[in-house]
Amino acid sequence: MKLNNTVLALAISTLILTACADTEDTDPSLLDGQVGTSGINDASTNGLNNGSGINGSEMGGSGMYGAGSNGGGVSNLGPEFSDPNNPLSKRTIYFMLDSSQVQQDFVPVIAAHAQYLLANPSQHITLEGHGDERGSREYNIALGEQRAKSVANMMKIQGVSESQLGVVSYGEEKPAAFGSDEAAWEQNRRVEIDY
């Protein structure tokens, strides 16, 4: 019940931030690695894709990409990080093409990690931002950083201390999947939560 209230509070906060965000038009023809004249083509790093609420069936966070997990570094954490039914076991947040906007399916995962950090103030995480191979190295580094900052901002809204959060971007340098097709690109557009 506590997690449901947290998710609801996060969704409301996100909606407020989204309503206050700049509503700059986005050129849909831009790809994940192409920059428009205003820099990164995403004015929506604060919130969700739409204003719909979150219901109990979305608590799994599997979404259209499945539930990612880093796998490494879990041994020194609690058993909840190994339980596939627990949102804490999911430590990869995936993004749409040319976007640093957190998808609604991953809000419960971020909320669970935020609650864990609040309950364990000595824990620290690094949010590792990544992009796919398209576009320049510089653009992908900037986009990876924006993705990691989007996740960090959602955690800060829930009360996580900035001192518990580190942000780093690898751009296209550390792909999760090799290949030059949509299946590989989907896996590479991500933020990994590293404890």
C-alpha atoms as a PDB file:
ATOM      1  CA  MET A   1       0.000   0.000   0.000  1.00  0.00           C
ATOM      2  CA  LYS A   2       2.874   2.329   0.894  1.00  0.00           C
ATOM      3  CA  LEU A   3       4.464   1.749  -2.539  1.00  0.00           C
ATOM      4  CA  ASN A   4       1.131   2.481  -4.259  1.00  0.00           C
ATOM      5  CA  ASN A   5       0.896   5.805  -2.398  1.00  0.00           C
ATOM      6  CA  THR A   6       4.475   6.605  -3.350  1.00  0.00           C
ATOM      7  CA  VAL A   7       3.808   5.841  -7.000  1.00  0.00           C
ATOM      8  CA  LEU A   8       0.672   7.990  -6.915  1.00  0.00           C
ATOM      9  CA  ALA A   9       2.604  10.880  -5.330  1.00  0.00           C
ATOM     10  CA  LEU A  10       5.340  10.526  -7.951  1.00  0.00           C
ATOM     11  CA  ALA A  11       2.792  10.515 -10.773  1.00  0.00           C
ATOM     12  CA  ILE A  12       1.110  13.660  -9.442  1.00  0.00           C
ATOM     13  CA  SER A  13       4.459  15.421  -8.987  1.00  0.00           C
ATOM     14  CA  THR A  14       5.487  14.421 -12.475  1.00  0.00           C
ATOM     15  CA  LEU A  15       2.261  15.708 -13.962  1.00  0.00           C
ATOM     16  CA  ILE A  16       2.782  19.053 -12.241  1.00  0.00           C
ATOM     17  CA  LEU A  17       6.332  19.278 -13.584  1.00  0.00           C
ATOM     18  CA  THR A  18       5.167  18.288 -17.047  1.00  0.00           C
ATOM     19  CA  ALA A  19       2.492  20.972 -17.004  1.00  0.00           C
ATOM     20  CA  CYS A  20       5.134  23.548 -16.084  1.00  0.00           C
ATOM     21  CA  ALA A  21       7.650  22.321 -18.683  1.00  0.00           C
ATOM     22  CA  ASP A  22       8.439  24.183 -21.855  1.00  0.00           C
ATOM     23  CA  THR A  23       6.230  22.928 -24.686  1.00  0.00           C
ATOM     24  CA  GLU A  24       8.761  23.341 -27.468  1.00  0.00           C
ATOM     25  CA  ASP A  25       7.771  21.542 -30.684  1.00  0.00           C
ATOM     26  CA  THR A  26       9.770  18.469 -31.557  1.00  0.00           C
ATOM     27  CA  ASP A  27      10.627  17.495 -35.108  1.00  0.00           C
ATOM     28  CA  PRO A  28       9.634  13.805 -35.323  1.00  0.00           C
ATOM     29  CA  SER A  29      12.043  13.203 -38.186  1.00  0.00           C
ATOM     30  CA  LEU A  30      15.049  13.560 -35.897  1.00  0.00           C
ATOM     31  CA  LEU A  31      16.727  10.313 -34.900  1.00  0.00           C
ATOM     32  CA  ASP A  32      18.376   9.314 -31.619  1.00  0.00           C
ATOM     33  CA  GLY A  33      21.659  10.778 -32.726  1.00  0.00           C
ATOM     34  CA  GLN A  34      20.690  13.912 -34.590  1.00  0.00           C
ATOM     35  CA  VAL A  35      20.600  17.343 -33.049  1.00  0.00           C
ATOM     36  CA  GLY A  36      18.226  20.099 -34.041  1.00  0.00           C
ATOM     37  CA  THR A  37      19.179  23.755 -33.898  1.00  0.00           C
ATOM     38  CA  SER A  38      18.272  23.965 -30.209  1.00  0.00           C
ATOM     39  CA  GLY A  39      20.555  21.114 -29.035  1.00  0.00           C
ATOM     40  CA  ILE A  40      19.016  17.952 -27.660  1.00  0.00           C
ATOM     41  CA  ASN A  41      15.615  17.527 -29.249  1.00  0.00           C
ATOM     42  CA  ASP A  42      13.682  16.722 -26.085  1.00  0.00           C
ATOM     43  CA  ALA A  43      11.887  19.233 -23.934  1.00  0.00           C
ATOM     44  CA  SER A  44      10.170  16.517 -21.919  1.00  0.00           C
ATOM     45  CA  THR A  45      12.718  15.235 -19.418  1.00  0.00           C
ATOM     46  CA  ASN A  46      10.484  15.952 -16.455  1.00  0.00           C
ATOM     47  CA  GLY A  47       7.652  13.524 -16.797  1.00  0.00           C
ATOM     48  CA  LEU A  48       5.536  10.916 -18.392  1.00  0.00           C
ATOM     49  CA  ASN A  49       4.432  10.473 -21.965  1.00  0.00           C
ATOM     50  CA  ASN A  50       0.853  11.284 -21.089  1.00  0.00           C
ATOM     51  CA  GLY A  51      -1.283  12.388 -18.180  1.00  0.00           C
ATOM     52  CA  SER A  52      -2.878   9.046 -17.440  1.00  0.00           C
ATOM     53  CA  GLY A  53      -2.687   7.623 -13.943  1.00  0.00           C
ATOM     54  CA  ILE A  54      -0.920   4.511 -12.792  1.00  0.00           C
ATOM     55  CA  ASN A  55      -2.888   1.458 -11.804  1.00  0.00           C
ATOM     56  CA  GLY A  56      -1.943  -1.650  -9.879  1.00  0.00           C
ATOM     57  CA  SER A  57      -1.399  -3.746 -13.013  1.00  0.00           C
ATOM     58  CA  GLU A  58       1.518  -1.526 -14.004  1.00  0.00           C
ATOM     59  CA  MET A  59       3.477  -2.177 -10.823  1.00  0.00           C
ATOM     60  CA  GLY A  60       5.589  -4.858 -12.521  1.00  0.00           C
ATOM     61  CA  GLY A  61       7.257  -2.298 -14.753  1.00  0.00           C
ATOM     62  CA  SER A  62       7.796  -4.748 -17.573  1.00  0.00           C
ATOM     63  CA  GLY A  63       6.401  -2.492 -20.305  1.00  0.00           C
ATOM     64  CA  MET A  64       6.978  -3.052 -23.977  1.00  0.00           C
ATOM     65  CA  TYR A  65      10.707  -3.665 -23.554  1.00  0.00           C
ATOM     66  CA  GLY A  66      10.611  -6.175 -20.739  1.00  0.00           C
ATOM     67  CA  ALA A  67      12.341  -5.795 -17.418  1.00  0.00           C
ATOM     68  CA  GLY A  68      16.017  -5.095 -17.626  1.00  0.00           C
ATOM     69  CA  SER A  69      18.509  -5.944 -14.930  1.00  0.00           C
ATOM     70  CA  ASN A  70      22.185  -5.301 -14.587  1.00  0.00           C
ATOM     71  CA  GLY A  71      22.847  -8.448 -12.613  1.00  0.00           C
ATOM     72  CA  GLY A  72      26.176  -7.216 -11.217  1.00  0.00           C
ATOM     73  CA  GLY A  73      26.585  -5.902  -7.696  1.00  0.00           C
ATOM     74  CA  VAL A  74      23.382  -7.500  -6.366  1.00  0.00           C
ATOM     75  CA  SER A  75      25.119  -9.928  -3.993  1.00  0.00           C
ATOM     76  CA  ASN A  76      25.785  -7.262  -1.348  1.00  0.00           C
ATOM     77  CA  LEU A  77      22.178  -6.054  -1.467  1.00  0.00           C
ATOM     78  CA  GLY A  78      19.085  -7.646   0.057  1.00  0.00           C
ATOM     79  CA  PRO A  79      17.197 -10.620  -1.390  1.00  0.00           C
ATOM     80  CA  GLU A  80      14.562  -8.284  -2.848  1.00  0.00           C
ATOM     81  CA  PHE A  81      17.079  -7.392  -5.567  1.00  0.00           C
ATOM     82  CA  SER A  82      17.102 -11.022  -6.734  1.00  0.00           C
ATOM     83  CA  ASP A  83      13.333 -11.539  -6.613  1.00  0.00           C
ATOM     84  CA  PRO A  84      12.000 -11.139 -10.180  1.00  0.00           C
ATOM     85  CA  ASN A  85       8.587 -10.140  -8.756  1.00  0.00           C
ATOM     86  CA  ASN A  86      10.098  -7.178  -6.893  1.00  0.00           C
ATOM     87  CA  PRO A  87      10.599  -3.904  -8.822  1.00  0.00           C
ATOM     88  CA  LEU A  88      14.045  -3.570  -7.174  1.00  0.00           C
ATOM     89  CA  SER A  89      15.263  -6.480  -9.324  1.00  0.00           C
ATOM     90  CA  LYS A  90      14.754  -4.294 -12.389  1.00  0.00           C
ATOM     91  CA  ARG A  91      17.696  -1.941 -12.708  1.00  0.00           C
ATOM     92  CA  THR A  92      17.502  -0.855 -16.347  1.00  0.00           C
ATOM     93  CA  ILE A  93      15.211   1.936 -17.537  1.00  0.00           C
ATOM     94  CA  TYR A  94      14.632   2.032 -21.300  1.00  0.00           C
ATOM     95  CA  PHE A  95      13.874   5.108 -23.409  1.00  0.00           C
ATOM     96  CA  MET A  96      12.181   5.869 -26.688  1.00  0.00           C
ATOM     97  CA  LEU A  97      14.048   7.102 -29.739  1.00  0.00           C
ATOM     98  CA  ASP A  98      15.607  10.557 -29.302  1.00  0.00           C
ATOM     99  CA  SER A  99      14.071  10.999 -25.852  1.00  0.00           C
ATOM    100  CA  SER A 100      15.095  11.403 -22.241  1.00  0.00           C
ATOM    101  CA  GLN A 101      11.490  11.202 -21.061  1.00  0.00           C
ATOM    102  CA  VAL A 102      10.826   8.376 -18.596  1.00  0.00           C
ATOM    103  CA  GLN A 103       8.121   6.046 -19.864  1.00  0.00           C
ATOM    104  CA  GLN A 104       5.187   5.376 -17.566  1.00  0.00           C
ATOM    105  CA  ASP A 105       6.015   1.653 -17.362  1.00  0.00           C
ATOM    106  CA  PHE A 106       9.252   2.442 -15.531  1.00  0.00           C
ATOM    107  CA  VAL A 107       7.842   4.865 -12.933  1.00  0.00           C
ATOM    108  CA  PRO A 108       7.150   2.050 -10.400  1.00  0.00           C
ATOM    109  CA  VAL A 109      10.709   0.756 -10.805  1.00  0.00           C
ATOM    110  CA  ILE A 110      12.187   4.198 -10.156  1.00  0.00           C
ATOM    111  CA  ALA A 111       9.807   4.678  -7.207  1.00  0.00           C
ATOM    112  CA  ALA A 112      10.897   1.372  -5.655  1.00  0.00           C
ATOM    113  CA  HIS A 113      14.578   2.289  -5.930  1.00  0.00           C
ATOM    114  CA  ALA A 114      13.865   5.741  -4.490  1.00  0.00           C
ATOM    115  CA  GLN A 115      12.072   4.183  -1.505  1.00  0.00           C
ATOM    116  CA  TYR A 116      14.972   1.790  -0.981  1.00  0.00           C
ATOM    117  CA  LEU A 117      17.443   4.697  -0.997  1.00  0.00           C
ATOM    118  CA  LEU A 118      15.282   6.657   1.454  1.00  0.00           C
ATOM    119  CA  ALA A 119      15.196   3.659   3.800  1.00  0.00           C
ATOM    120  CA  ASN A 120      18.956   3.080   3.383  1.00  0.00           C
ATOM    121  CA  PRO A 121      20.648   6.493   3.485  1.00  0.00           C
ATOM    122  CA  SER A 122      24.135   4.962   3.430  1.00  0.00           C
ATOM    123  CA  GLN A 123      23.474   3.449  -0.021  1.00  0.00           C
ATOM    124  CA  HIS A 124      24.611   5.278  -3.143  1.00  0.00           C
ATOM    125  CA  ILE A 125      23.818   4.662  -6.783  1.00  0.00           C
ATOM    126  CA  THR A 126      25.277   5.700 -10.097  1.00  0.00           C
ATOM    127  CA  LEU A 127      22.809   6.317 -12.899  1.00  0.00           C
ATOM    128  CA  GLU A 128      24.580   5.349 -16.123  1.00  0.00           C
ATOM    129  CA  GLY A 129      23.073   6.935 -19.226  1.00  0.00           C
ATOM    130  CA  HIS A 130      23.443   5.293 -22.639  1.00  0.00           C
ATOM    131  CA  GLY A 131      22.417   5.893 -26.243  1.00  0.00           C
ATOM    132  CA  ASP A 132      22.361   3.856 -29.404  1.00  0.00           C
ATOM    133  CA  GLU A 133      25.017   4.035 -32.128  1.00  0.00           C
ATOM    134  CA  ARG A 134      23.253   6.602 -34.301  1.00  0.00           C
ATOM    135  CA  GLY A 135      24.425  10.187 -34.221  1.00  0.00           C
ATOM    136  CA  SER A 136      27.631  11.824 -33.112  1.00  0.00           C
ATOM    137  CA  ARG A 137      29.582  10.779 -30.041  1.00  0.00           C
ATOM    138  CA  GLU A 138      28.975  14.195 -28.463  1.00  0.00           C
ATOM    139  CA  TYR A 139      25.241  14.037 -29.008  1.00  0.00           C
ATOM    140  CA  ASN A 140      24.963  10.559 -27.515  1.00  0.00           C
ATOM    141  CA  ILE A 141      26.992  11.588 -24.457  1.00  0.00           C
ATOM    142  CA  ALA A 142      24.636  14.558 -23.928  1.00  0.00           C
ATOM    143  CA  LEU A 143      21.516  12.438 -24.453  1.00  0.00           C
ATOM    144  CA  GLY A 144      22.779   9.726 -22.083  1.00  0.00           C
ATOM    145  CA  GLU A 145      23.386  12.392 -19.457  1.00  0.00           C
ATOM    146  CA  GLN A 146      19.877  13.818 -19.936  1.00  0.00           C
ATOM    147  CA  ARG A 147      18.408  10.325 -19.524  1.00  0.00           C
ATOM    148  CA  ALA A 148      20.326   9.727 -16.298  1.00  0.00           C
ATOM    149  CA  LYS A 149      19.319  13.161 -14.985  1.00  0.00           C
ATOM    150  CA  SER A 150      15.655  12.419 -15.742  1.00  0.00           C
ATOM    151  CA  VAL A 151      15.800   9.342 -13.518  1.00  0.00           C
ATOM    152  CA  ALA A 152      17.739  11.262 -10.847  1.00  0.00           C
ATOM    153  CA  ASN A 153      15.170  14.074 -10.865  1.00  0.00           C
ATOM    154  CA  MET A 154      12.317  11.620 -10.348  1.00  0.00           C
ATOM    155  CA  MET A 155      14.162  10.157  -7.358  1.00  0.00           C
ATOM    156  CA  LYS A 156      14.899  13.603  -5.913  1.00  0.00           C
ATOM    157  CA  ILE A 157      11.181  14.484  -6.138  1.00  0.00           C
ATOM    158  CA  GLN A 158      10.561  11.551  -3.791  1.00  0.00           C
ATOM    159  CA  GLY A 159      13.111  12.850  -1.298  1.00  0.00           C
ATOM    160  CA  VAL A 160      16.299  10.984  -2.251  1.00  0.00           C
ATOM    161  CA  SER A 161      19.349  13.013  -1.305  1.00  0.00           C
ATOM    162  CA  GLU A 162      21.493  14.317  -4.143  1.00  0.00           C
ATOM    163  CA  SER A 163      24.508  12.930  -2.273  1.00  0.00           C
ATOM    164  CA  GLN A 164      23.143   9.403  -2.853  1.00  0.00           C
ATOM    165  CA  LEU A 165      22.948   9.903  -6.623  1.00  0.00           C
ATOM    166  CA  GLY A 166      25.731   9.956  -9.166  1.00  0.00           C
ATOM    167  CA  VAL A 167      25.175  10.591 -12.879  1.00  0.00           C
ATOM    168  CA  VAL A 168      27.475   9.463 -15.671  1.00  0.00           C
ATOM    169  CA  SER A 169      26.959   9.134 -19.402  1.00  0.00           C
ATOM    170  CA  TYR A 170      28.620   6.610 -21.657  1.00  0.00           C
ATOM    171  CA  GLY A 171      26.706   7.611 -24.772  1.00  0.00           C
ATOM    172  CA  GLU A 172      27.161   4.863 -27.346  1.00  0.00           C
ATOM    173  CA  GLU A 173      30.439   3.587 -25.843  1.00  0.00           C
ATOM    174  CA  LYS A 174      29.028   0.644 -23.814  1.00  0.00           C
ATOM    175  CA  PRO A 175      26.262  -1.012 -25.827  1.00  0.00           C
ATOM    176  CA  ALA A 176      24.115  -3.656 -24.164  1.00  0.00           C
ATOM    177  CA  ALA A 177      23.480  -5.210 -27.591  1.00  0.00           C
ATOM    178  CA  PHE A 178      25.558  -5.114 -30.745  1.00  0.00           C
ATOM    179  CA  GLY A 179      23.892  -4.604 -34.076  1.00  0.00           C
ATOM    180  CA  SER A 180      22.503  -1.920 -36.312  1.00  0.00           C
ATOM    181  CA  ASP A 181      18.816  -2.699 -36.074  1.00  0.00           C
ATOM    182  CA  GLU A 182      15.871  -1.590 -33.945  1.00  0.00           C
ATOM    183  CA  ALA A 183      16.162  -4.583 -31.609  1.00  0.00           C
ATOM    184  CA  ALA A 184      19.718  -3.621 -30.635  1.00  0.00           C
ATOM    185  CA  TRP A 185      18.971   0.108 -30.523  1.00  0.00           C
ATOM    186  CA  GLU A 186      16.037  -0.438 -28.107  1.00  0.00           C
ATOM    187  CA  GLN A 187      18.339  -2.245 -25.674  1.00  0.00           C
ATOM    188  CA  ASN A 188      20.997   0.466 -25.897  1.00  0.00           C
ATOM    189  CA  ARG A 189      18.700   3.448 -25.162  1.00  0.00           C
ATOM    190  CA  ARG A 190      18.804   3.059 -21.399  1.00  0.00           C
ATOM    191  CA  VAL A 191      19.822   4.133 -17.911  1.00  0.00           C
ATOM    192  CA  GLU A 192      21.352   1.489 -15.670  1.00  0.00           C
ATOM    193  CA  ILE A 193      20.998   1.801 -11.898  1.00  0.00           C
ATOM    194  CA  ASP A 194      24.285   0.684 -10.355  1.00  0.00           C
ATOM    195  CA  TYR A 195      24.524   0.244  -6.555  1.00  0.00           C
END
